[in-house]
C-alpha atoms as a PDB file:
ATOM      1  CA  UNK A   1      -8.050  -6.069 -18.925  1.00  0.00           C
ATOM      2  CA  UNK A   2      -6.137  -8.278 -20.905  1.00  0.00           C
ATOM      3  CA  UNK A   3      -6.050 -12.506 -21.051  1.00  0.00           C
ATOM      4  CA  UNK A   4      -2.419 -12.082 -18.961  1.00  0.00           C
ATOM      5  CA  UNK A   5      -2.732 -12.861 -15.080  1.00  0.00           C
ATOM      6  CA  UNK A   6      -0.203 -11.197 -12.910  1.00  0.00           C
ATOM      7  CA  UNK A   7      -0.225 -14.723 -11.132  1.00  0.00           C
ATOM      8  CA  UNK A   8       2.179 -17.692 -11.478  1.00  0.00           C
ATOM      9  CA  UNK A   9       1.160 -20.262 -13.865  1.00  0.00           C
ATOM     10  CA  UNK A  10       2.287 -23.158 -11.403  1.00  0.00           C
ATOM     11  CA  UNK A  11       1.212 -23.763  -8.192  1.00  0.00           C
ATOM     12  CA  UNK A  12       4.975 -23.942  -6.719  1.00  0.00           C
ATOM     13  CA  UNK A  13       6.760 -21.263  -4.785  1.00  0.00           C
ATOM     14  CA  UNK A  14       7.407 -19.104  -8.115  1.00  0.00           C
ATOM     15  CA  UNK A  15       6.908 -15.590  -7.023  1.00  0.00           C
ATOM     16  CA  UNK A  16       4.968 -12.801  -9.171  1.00  0.00           C
ATOM     17  CA  UNK A  17       7.800 -10.561 -11.071  1.00  0.00           C
ATOM     18  CA  UNK A  18       7.255  -6.959 -10.696  1.00  0.00           C
ATOM     19  CA  UNK A  19       8.613  -4.102 -12.725  1.00  0.00           C
ATOM     20  CA  UNK A  20       8.226  -0.190 -12.080  1.00  0.00           C
ATOM     21  CA  UNK A  21       9.225   2.627 -13.992  1.00  0.00           C
ATOM     22  CA  UNK A  22       9.142   6.258 -13.326  1.00  0.00           C
ATOM     23  CA  UNK A  23       8.411   8.800 -16.069  1.00  0.00           C
ATOM     24  CA  UNK A  24       7.463  12.470 -16.252  1.00  0.00           C
ATOM     25  CA  UNK A  25       6.452  13.088 -12.369  1.00  0.00           C
ATOM     26  CA  UNK A  26       7.723  13.505  -8.829  1.00  0.00           C
ATOM     27  CA  UNK A  27       8.436  10.258  -8.101  1.00  0.00           C
ATOM     28  CA  UNK A  28       5.774  10.578  -5.222  1.00  0.00           C
ATOM     29  CA  UNK A  29       3.906   7.238  -6.481  1.00  0.00           C
ATOM     30  CA  UNK A  30       7.218   5.445  -5.778  1.00  0.00           C
ATOM     31  CA  UNK A  31       7.449   7.117  -2.334  1.00  0.00           C
ATOM     32  CA  UNK A  32       3.985   5.851  -1.505  1.00  0.00           C
ATOM     33  CA  UNK A  33       4.821   2.425  -2.680  1.00  0.00           C
ATOM     34  CA  UNK A  34       7.638   2.606  -0.135  1.00  0.00           C
ATOM     35  CA  UNK A  35       5.068   3.856   2.369  1.00  0.00           C
ATOM     36  CA  UNK A  36       3.644   0.358   2.783  1.00  0.00           C
ATOM     37  CA  UNK A  37       6.422   0.439   5.333  1.00  0.00           C
ATOM     38  CA  UNK A  38       6.700  -2.900   6.750  1.00  0.00           C
ATOM     39  CA  UNK A  39       4.103  -4.474   4.703  1.00  0.00           C
ATOM     40  CA  UNK A  40       6.702  -4.721   2.172  1.00  0.00           C
ATOM     41  CA  UNK A  41       8.136  -7.678   3.919  1.00  0.00           C
ATOM     42  CA  UNK A  42       4.623  -9.519   3.549  1.00  0.00           C
ATOM     43  CA  UNK A  43       4.689  -8.188  -0.241  1.00  0.00           C
ATOM     44  CA  UNK A  44       8.338  -9.463  -0.755  1.00  0.00           C
ATOM     45  CA  UNK A  45       6.925 -13.063   0.196  1.00  0.00           C
ATOM     46  CA  UNK A  46       5.028 -12.946  -2.943  1.00  0.00           C
ATOM     47  CA  UNK A  47       6.758 -10.629  -5.501  1.00  0.00           C
ATOM     48  CA  UNK A  48      10.217 -10.271  -6.873  1.00  0.00           C
ATOM     49  CA  UNK A  49      11.430  -6.792  -8.249  1.00  0.00           C
ATOM     50  CA  UNK A  50      12.614  -7.284 -11.349  1.00  0.00           C
ATOM     51  CA  UNK A  51      13.006  -3.989 -12.246  1.00  0.00           C
ATOM     52  CA  UNK A  52      12.837  -0.613 -10.957  1.00  0.00           C
ATOM     53  CA  UNK A  53      14.142   2.701 -10.634  1.00  0.00           C
ATOM     54  CA  UNK A  54      16.114   1.289  -7.576  1.00  0.00           C
ATOM     55  CA  UNK A  55      17.321  -1.793  -9.066  1.00  0.00           C
ATOM     56  CA  UNK A  56      20.273  -1.873 -11.320  1.00  0.00           C
ATOM     57  CA  UNK A  57      18.779  -3.657 -14.455  1.00  0.00           C
ATOM     58  CA  UNK A  58      18.595  -1.810 -17.337  1.00  0.00           C
ATOM     59  CA  UNK A  59      15.472  -3.379 -19.061  1.00  0.00           C
ATOM     60  CA  UNK A  60      12.222  -5.287 -17.647  1.00  0.00           C
ATOM     61  CA  UNK A  61      12.667  -9.115 -18.260  1.00  0.00           C
ATOM     62  CA  UNK A  62      10.127 -10.582 -20.853  1.00  0.00           C
ATOM     63  CA  UNK A  63       7.329 -12.205 -19.221  1.00  0.00           C
ATOM     64  CA  UNK A  64       7.297 -10.000 -16.252  1.00  0.00           C
ATOM     65  CA  UNK A  65       3.954 -10.763 -14.521  1.00  0.00           C
ATOM     66  CA  UNK A  66       2.953  -7.042 -13.344  1.00  0.00           C
ATOM     67  CA  UNK A  67       4.587  -3.483 -14.388  1.00  0.00           C
ATOM     68  CA  UNK A  68       3.559  -0.115 -12.674  1.00  0.00           C
ATOM     69  CA  UNK A  69       3.875   3.094 -14.562  1.00  0.00           C
ATOM     70  CA  UNK A  70       4.140   6.281 -12.639  1.00  0.00           C
ATOM     71  CA  UNK A  71       4.412   9.645 -14.944  1.00  0.00           C
ATOM     72  CA  UNK A  72       3.137  11.064 -17.891  1.00  0.00           C
ATOM     73  CA  UNK A  73       4.357  10.646 -21.091  1.00  0.00           C
ATOM     74  CA  UNK A  74       6.436  13.890 -22.191  1.00  0.00           C
ATOM     75  CA  UNK A  75       9.486  12.905 -24.251  1.00  0.00           C
ATOM     76  CA  UNK A  76      10.771  10.284 -26.444  1.00  0.00           C
ATOM     77  CA  UNK A  77      12.432   8.427 -24.088  1.00  0.00           C
ATOM     78  CA  UNK A  78       9.258   8.197 -22.093  1.00  0.00           C
ATOM     79  CA  UNK A  79       7.280   6.813 -24.799  1.00  0.00           C
ATOM     80  CA  UNK A  80      10.079   4.278 -25.320  1.00  0.00           C
ATOM     81  CA  UNK A  81       9.518   3.074 -21.524  1.00  0.00           C
ATOM     82  CA  UNK A  82       5.999   2.707 -21.594  1.00  0.00           C
ATOM     83  CA  UNK A  83       6.342   0.543 -24.743  1.00  0.00           C
ATOM     84  CA  UNK A  84       9.007  -1.427 -23.409  1.00  0.00           C
ATOM     85  CA  UNK A  85       7.365  -2.051 -20.135  1.00  0.00           C
ATOM     86  CA  UNK A  86       3.743  -2.871 -22.101  1.00  0.00           C
ATOM     87  CA  UNK A  87       6.018  -5.681 -24.172  1.00  0.00           C
ATOM     88  CA  UNK A  88       7.807  -6.874 -21.159  1.00  0.00           C
ATOM     89  CA  UNK A  89       4.716  -7.147 -18.872  1.00  0.00           C
ATOM     90  CA  UNK A  90       1.705  -9.319 -18.954  1.00  0.00           C
ATOM     91  CA  UNK A  91      -0.442  -6.684 -16.770  1.00  0.00           C
ATOM     92  CA  UNK A  92       0.345  -3.018 -16.738  1.00  0.00           C
ATOM     93  CA  UNK A  93      -1.291  -0.299 -14.001  1.00  0.00           C
ATOM     94  CA  UNK A  94      -0.943   3.111 -14.820  1.00  0.00           C
ATOM     95  CA  UNK A  95       0.247   4.537 -10.966  1.00  0.00           C
ATOM     96  CA  UNK A  96      -0.911   7.487  -9.928  1.00  0.00           C
ATOM     97  CA  UNK A  97      -2.760  10.828 -11.543  1.00  0.00           C
ATOM     98  CA  UNK A  98       0.298  11.739 -14.000  1.00  0.00           C
ATOM     99  CA  UNK A  99       0.212   8.250 -15.363  1.00  0.00           C
ATOM    100  CA  UNK A 100      -3.585   8.461 -15.600  1.00  0.00           C
ATOM    101  CA  UNK A 101      -4.269  11.567 -16.671  1.00  0.00           C
ATOM    102  CA  UNK A 102      -1.131  13.547 -17.333  1.00  0.00           C
ATOM    103  CA  UNK A 103      -2.124  15.524 -14.541  1.00  0.00           C
ATOM    104  CA  UNK A 104       0.619  18.410 -13.627  1.00  0.00           C
ATOM    105  CA  UNK A 105       3.376  17.674 -16.551  1.00  0.00           C
ATOM    106  CA  UNK A 106       0.468  18.062 -19.267  1.00  0.00           C
ATOM    107  CA  UNK A 107      -0.093  21.929 -17.951  1.00  0.00           C
ATOM    108  CA  UNK A 108       2.540  22.601 -20.731  1.00  0.00           C
ATOM    109  CA  UNK A 109       0.038  21.393 -23.315  1.00  0.00           C
ATOM    110  CA  UNK A 110      -2.111  24.357 -23.442  1.00  0.00           C
ATOM    111  CA  UNK A 111       1.169  26.269 -24.740  1.00  0.00           C
ATOM    112  CA  UNK A 112       3.033  25.622 -27.852  1.00  0.00           C
ATOM    113  CA  UNK A 113       6.159  23.588 -27.455  1.00  0.00           C
ATOM    114  CA  UNK A 114       8.337  25.867 -29.122  1.00  0.00           C
ATOM    115  CA  UNK A 115       7.212  28.539 -26.437  1.00  0.00           C
ATOM    116  CA  UNK A 116       7.810  26.492 -23.654  1.00  0.00           C
ATOM    117  CA  UNK A 117      11.571  25.641 -24.713  1.00  0.00           C
ATOM    118  CA  UNK A 118      12.430  28.962 -25.427  1.00  0.00           C
ATOM    119  CA  UNK A 119      10.917  30.067 -22.017  1.00  0.00           C
ATOM    120  CA  UNK A 120      12.810  27.020 -20.071  1.00  0.00           C
ATOM    121  CA  UNK A 121      16.201  27.475 -21.786  1.00  0.00           C
ATOM    122  CA  UNK A 122      16.694  31.115 -23.503  1.00  0.00           C
ATOM    123  CA  UNK A 123      14.582  33.684 -21.800  1.00  0.00           C
ATOM    124  CA  UNK A 124      15.383  32.559 -18.535  1.00  0.00           C
ATOM    125  CA  UNK A 125      19.034  31.553 -18.580  1.00  0.00           C
ATOM    126  CA  UNK A 126      21.587  33.887 -16.982  1.00  0.00           C
ATOM    127  CA  UNK A 127      24.502  32.130 -18.877  1.00  0.00           C
ATOM    128  CA  UNK A 128      24.866  30.659 -22.501  1.00  0.00           C
ATOM    129  CA  UNK A 129      20.999  30.572 -23.296  1.00  0.00           C
ATOM    130  CA  UNK A 130      20.759  27.684 -25.764  1.00  0.00           C
ATOM    131  CA  UNK A 131      18.785  24.646 -25.721  1.00  0.00           C
ATOM    132  CA  UNK A 132      20.175  21.532 -24.691  1.00  0.00           C
ATOM    133  CA  UNK A 133      20.572  18.516 -27.545  1.00  0.00           C
ATOM    134  CA  UNK A 134      23.123  16.087 -25.746  1.00  0.00           C
ATOM    135  CA  UNK A 135      21.826  13.797 -22.787  1.00  0.00           C
ATOM    136  CA  UNK A 136      18.364  15.125 -23.107  1.00  0.00           C
ATOM    137  CA  UNK A 137      15.487  13.368 -24.974  1.00  0.00           C
ATOM    138  CA  UNK A 138      13.479  15.254 -27.405  1.00  0.00           C
ATOM    139  CA  UNK A 139      10.149  16.708 -26.140  1.00  0.00           C
ATOM    140  CA  UNK A 140       6.777  15.357 -27.608  1.00  0.00           C
ATOM    141  CA  UNK A 141       4.577  18.038 -28.849  1.00  0.00           C
ATOM    142  CA  UNK A 142       1.948  17.148 -26.100  1.00  0.00           C
ATOM    143  CA  UNK A 143       2.211  15.520 -22.620  1.00  0.00           C
ATOM    144  CA  UNK A 144       0.120  12.285 -22.762  1.00  0.00           C
ATOM    145  CA  UNK A 145      -1.400   9.602 -20.138  1.00  0.00           C
ATOM    146  CA  UNK A 146       0.249   6.060 -20.385  1.00  0.00           C
ATOM    147  CA  UNK A 147      -2.990   4.903 -21.785  1.00  0.00           C
ATOM    148  CA  UNK A 148      -2.541   7.104 -25.233  1.00  0.00           C
ATOM    149  CA  UNK A 149       0.801   5.583 -25.804  1.00  0.00           C
ATOM    150  CA  UNK A 150       0.157   1.921 -24.674  1.00  0.00           C
ATOM    151  CA  UNK A 151      -2.954  -0.371 -23.432  1.00  0.00           C
ATOM    152  CA  UNK A 152      -3.083  -0.308 -19.590  1.00  0.00           C
ATOM    153  CA  UNK A 153      -4.986  -3.020 -17.663  1.00  0.00           C
ATOM    154  CA  UNK A 154      -6.094  -1.051 -14.790  1.00  0.00           C
ATOM    155  CA  UNK A 155      -5.653   2.381 -13.873  1.00  0.00           C
ATOM    156  CA  UNK A 156      -5.055   3.705  -9.768  1.00  0.00           C
ATOM    157  CA  UNK A 157      -5.697   7.254  -9.447  1.00  0.00           C
ATOM    158  CA  UNK A 158      -4.313   9.576  -6.918  1.00  0.00           C
ATOM    159  CA  UNK A 159      -1.567  11.887  -6.181  1.00  0.00           C
ATOM    160  CA  UNK A 160       0.003   9.832  -4.798  1.00  0.00           C
ATOM    161  CA  UNK A 161      -2.415   6.998  -4.555  1.00  0.00           C
ATOM    162  CA  UNK A 162      -2.388   6.073  -0.908  1.00  0.00           C
ATOM    163  CA  UNK A 163       0.180   3.432  -0.127  1.00  0.00           C
ATOM    164  CA  UNK A 164      -2.971   1.314   1.731  1.00  0.00           C
ATOM    165  CA  UNK A 165      -4.574   1.563  -1.889  1.00  0.00           C
ATOM    166  CA  UNK A 166      -1.391   0.465  -3.951  1.00  0.00           C
ATOM    167  CA  UNK A 167      -0.626  -2.471  -1.306  1.00  0.00           C
ATOM    168  CA  UNK A 168      -4.387  -3.667  -1.579  1.00  0.00           C
ATOM    169  CA  UNK A 169      -4.313  -3.478  -5.531  1.00  0.00           C
ATOM    170  CA  UNK A 170      -1.113  -5.348  -5.309  1.00  0.00           C
ATOM    171  CA  UNK A 171      -2.423  -8.255  -2.786  1.00  0.00           C
ATOM    172  CA  UNK A 172      -5.361  -8.582  -4.816  1.00  0.00           C
ATOM    173  CA  UNK A 173      -3.583  -9.132  -8.072  1.00  0.00           C
ATOM    174  CA  UNK A 174      -1.053 -11.470  -6.337  1.00  0.00           C
ATOM    175  CA  UNK A 175      -4.071 -13.548  -5.123  1.00  0.00           C
ATOM    176  CA  UNK A 176      -5.588 -13.777  -8.682  1.00  0.00           C
ATOM    177  CA  UNK A 177      -8.503 -11.352  -7.934  1.00  0.00           C
ATOM    178  CA  UNK A 178      -9.502  -8.142  -9.779  1.00  0.00           C
ATOM    179  CA  UNK A 179      -9.218  -4.778  -7.651  1.00  0.00           C
ATOM    180  CA  UNK A 180     -11.415  -2.033  -7.507  1.00  0.00           C
ATOM    181  CA  UNK A 181      -8.680   0.979  -7.251  1.00  0.00           C
ATOM    182  CA  UNK A 182     -11.820   3.648  -7.428  1.00  0.00           C
ATOM    183  CA  UNK A 183     -12.843   2.542  -4.180  1.00  0.00           C
ATOM    184  CA  UNK A 184      -9.435   2.728  -2.582  1.00  0.00           C
ATOM    185  CA  UNK A 185      -8.375   5.944  -4.222  1.00  0.00           C
ATOM    186  CA  UNK A 186      -9.610   9.137  -5.926  1.00  0.00           C
ATOM    187  CA  UNK A 187      -8.164  11.751  -8.200  1.00  0.00           C
ATOM    188  CA  UNK A 188      -5.902  14.135  -6.377  1.00  0.00           C
ATOM    189  CA  UNK A 189      -5.319  12.526  -3.531  1.00  0.00           C
END
C-alpha cells in the first residue's frame, strides 16, 4: 500500500474521486461494477467518477483519489494508460484476473510475437493480408499484468470480480478501512 489514502483530506462533503480504465480484456469487470445496481446510487453519494470509458474526459485528473484498472497490458497504449493512471491516482487497484495476472490476453505469450501477428493479419485474411499500422497501437513483446508496469496498491481478483466484492472494496476504502479482497473474490470466479 502507498501512503496515499483514497479518502478526502477534509471532513466536509467532498467526494472521493474515482477513475477507471479498461485495457486488454473483455470489459467484464466494468460490467460487474455496473452490476452493483441500486447500490450505485449509494456510492454516488460518496464518489465522483472523474475518468472512465463511460465519461467523456480524455485524461484522469491529477490528484484523483482512487483508480481502478481492468485488463492486461499488451500494447504501448495500455502501458501508457497504466502509467497515466498511476501518476494521477493516489490509490490504484488492479481489477480482475487480467489486470492481476494477465489471464486470457497473456495466452499469446507462449508464441513469438511475429507469429501471432502473421496469423492474425496475414494467414487468416481473405482480402489484402497486411499488418495494420495506422490507428493500431504496437503490441508489446509480452502481455503483462498491471503490477509489472506500475506499482499497484490492491489486487481484486475474479473473472470478473463479483459486484458484491467490488462494492465492498470501494465501500471499505471510502470509509478509510483496508479491505481484504481475497476474502471477497478468488481467481477465476
